[in-house]
């Protein structure tokens, strides 16, 4: 699961397509995408993923923590 979420984070980093990334993460189940990212960060730390990979996950988590009203164009 952590590898899949990391791939989604890498895709988002490259394409900046939040809708596509969200669609990928909801395939994991019924939880909010942020929950899967948080779990992936924990697993990544336990499995000694590189700091670069953990930072990619953290950056994606930050995107989902921004209130939706600030993501909308005026």
C-alpha atoms as a PDB file:
ATOM      1  CA  UNK A   1       0.000   0.000   0.000  1.00  0.00           C
ATOM      2  CA  UNK A   2       2.803   2.434   0.836  1.00  0.00           C
ATOM      3  CA  UNK A   3       4.402   1.841  -2.562  1.00  0.00           C
ATOM      4  CA  UNK A   4       1.108   2.562  -4.321  1.00  0.00           C
ATOM      5  CA  UNK A   5       0.580   5.786  -2.380  1.00  0.00           C
ATOM      6  CA  UNK A   6       4.165   6.795  -3.122  1.00  0.00           C
ATOM      7  CA  UNK A   7       3.521   6.256  -6.834  1.00  0.00           C
ATOM      8  CA  UNK A   8       0.457   8.498  -6.537  1.00  0.00           C
ATOM      9  CA  UNK A   9       2.577  11.127  -4.757  1.00  0.00           C
ATOM     10  CA  UNK A  10       5.193  10.954  -7.525  1.00  0.00           C
ATOM     11  CA  UNK A  11       2.486  11.307 -10.151  1.00  0.00           C
ATOM     12  CA  UNK A  12       1.062  14.340  -8.374  1.00  0.00           C
ATOM     13  CA  UNK A  13       4.523  15.867  -8.058  1.00  0.00           C
ATOM     14  CA  UNK A  14       5.024  15.530 -11.803  1.00  0.00           C
ATOM     15  CA  UNK A  15       1.557  16.415 -13.128  1.00  0.00           C
ATOM     16  CA  UNK A  16      -0.058  18.474 -10.341  1.00  0.00           C
ATOM     17  CA  UNK A  17      -3.413  16.796 -11.107  1.00  0.00           C
ATOM     18  CA  UNK A  18      -5.188  16.480  -7.772  1.00  0.00           C
ATOM     19  CA  UNK A  19      -8.342  14.986  -9.271  1.00  0.00           C
ATOM     20  CA  UNK A  20      -6.372  12.169 -10.900  1.00  0.00           C
ATOM     21  CA  UNK A  21      -4.387  11.543  -7.718  1.00  0.00           C
ATOM     22  CA  UNK A  22      -7.565  11.451  -5.647  1.00  0.00           C
ATOM     23  CA  UNK A  23      -9.124   8.982  -8.069  1.00  0.00           C
ATOM     24  CA  UNK A  24      -6.079   6.739  -7.646  1.00  0.00           C
ATOM     25  CA  UNK A  25      -6.145   6.905  -3.851  1.00  0.00           C
ATOM     26  CA  UNK A  26      -9.869   6.208  -3.462  1.00  0.00           C
ATOM     27  CA  UNK A  27      -9.257   2.857  -5.138  1.00  0.00           C
ATOM     28  CA  UNK A  28      -7.681   1.797  -1.835  1.00  0.00           C
ATOM     29  CA  UNK A  29     -11.003   1.881   0.015  1.00  0.00           C
ATOM     30  CA  UNK A  30     -13.575   4.110   1.666  1.00  0.00           C
ATOM     31  CA  UNK A  31     -11.281   6.286   3.775  1.00  0.00           C
ATOM     32  CA  UNK A  32     -10.326   9.845   2.869  1.00  0.00           C
ATOM     33  CA  UNK A  33      -7.159   9.935   0.713  1.00  0.00           C
ATOM     34  CA  UNK A  34      -5.316  11.758   3.494  1.00  0.00           C
ATOM     35  CA  UNK A  35      -5.756   8.717   5.747  1.00  0.00           C
ATOM     36  CA  UNK A  36      -3.982   6.476   3.220  1.00  0.00           C
ATOM     37  CA  UNK A  37      -1.171   8.982   2.854  1.00  0.00           C
ATOM     38  CA  UNK A  38      -0.741   9.166   6.631  1.00  0.00           C
ATOM     39  CA  UNK A  39      -0.622   5.378   6.866  1.00  0.00           C
ATOM     40  CA  UNK A  40       1.883   5.253   4.002  1.00  0.00           C
ATOM     41  CA  UNK A  41       4.144   7.730   5.811  1.00  0.00           C
ATOM     42  CA  UNK A  42       4.138   5.565   8.925  1.00  0.00           C
ATOM     43  CA  UNK A  43       4.929   2.421   6.935  1.00  0.00           C
ATOM     44  CA  UNK A  44       7.567   4.243   4.885  1.00  0.00           C
ATOM     45  CA  UNK A  45       9.330   5.351   8.058  1.00  0.00           C
ATOM     46  CA  UNK A  46       9.156   1.825   9.507  1.00  0.00           C
ATOM     47  CA  UNK A  47      10.585   0.344   6.288  1.00  0.00           C
ATOM     48  CA  UNK A  48      13.333   2.967   6.000  1.00  0.00           C
ATOM     49  CA  UNK A  49      12.154   4.543   2.761  1.00  0.00           C
ATOM     50  CA  UNK A  50      14.448   7.324   1.596  1.00  0.00           C
ATOM     51  CA  UNK A  51      13.962  10.768   3.064  1.00  0.00           C
ATOM     52  CA  UNK A  52      13.133  11.984  -0.450  1.00  0.00           C
ATOM     53  CA  UNK A  53      10.255   9.494  -0.741  1.00  0.00           C
ATOM     54  CA  UNK A  54       8.904  10.355   2.703  1.00  0.00           C
ATOM     55  CA  UNK A  55       9.024  14.047   1.783  1.00  0.00           C
ATOM     56  CA  UNK A  56       6.999  13.334  -1.379  1.00  0.00           C
ATOM     57  CA  UNK A  57       4.355  11.655   0.760  1.00  0.00           C
ATOM     58  CA  UNK A  58       4.400  14.540   3.244  1.00  0.00           C
ATOM     59  CA  UNK A  59       3.978  17.118   0.495  1.00  0.00           C
ATOM     60  CA  UNK A  60       0.975  15.252  -0.856  1.00  0.00           C
ATOM     61  CA  UNK A  61      -0.488  15.048   2.647  1.00  0.00           C
ATOM     62  CA  UNK A  62      -0.184  18.830   2.923  1.00  0.00           C
ATOM     63  CA  UNK A  63      -2.221  19.258  -0.249  1.00  0.00           C
ATOM     64  CA  UNK A  64      -5.098  17.324   1.315  1.00  0.00           C
ATOM     65  CA  UNK A  65      -4.873  19.278   4.566  1.00  0.00           C
ATOM     66  CA  UNK A  66      -5.549  22.619   2.856  1.00  0.00           C
ATOM     67  CA  UNK A  67      -9.197  23.626   3.363  1.00  0.00           C
ATOM     68  CA  UNK A  68     -11.138  23.032   0.155  1.00  0.00           C
ATOM     69  CA  UNK A  69     -12.357  26.623   0.016  1.00  0.00           C
ATOM     70  CA  UNK A  70      -8.770  27.799  -0.530  1.00  0.00           C
ATOM     71  CA  UNK A  71      -8.292  25.387  -3.435  1.00  0.00           C
ATOM     72  CA  UNK A  72     -11.122  26.905  -5.463  1.00  0.00           C
ATOM     73  CA  UNK A  73     -10.447  29.689  -7.912  1.00  0.00           C
ATOM     74  CA  UNK A  74     -12.109  33.036  -7.032  1.00  0.00           C
END
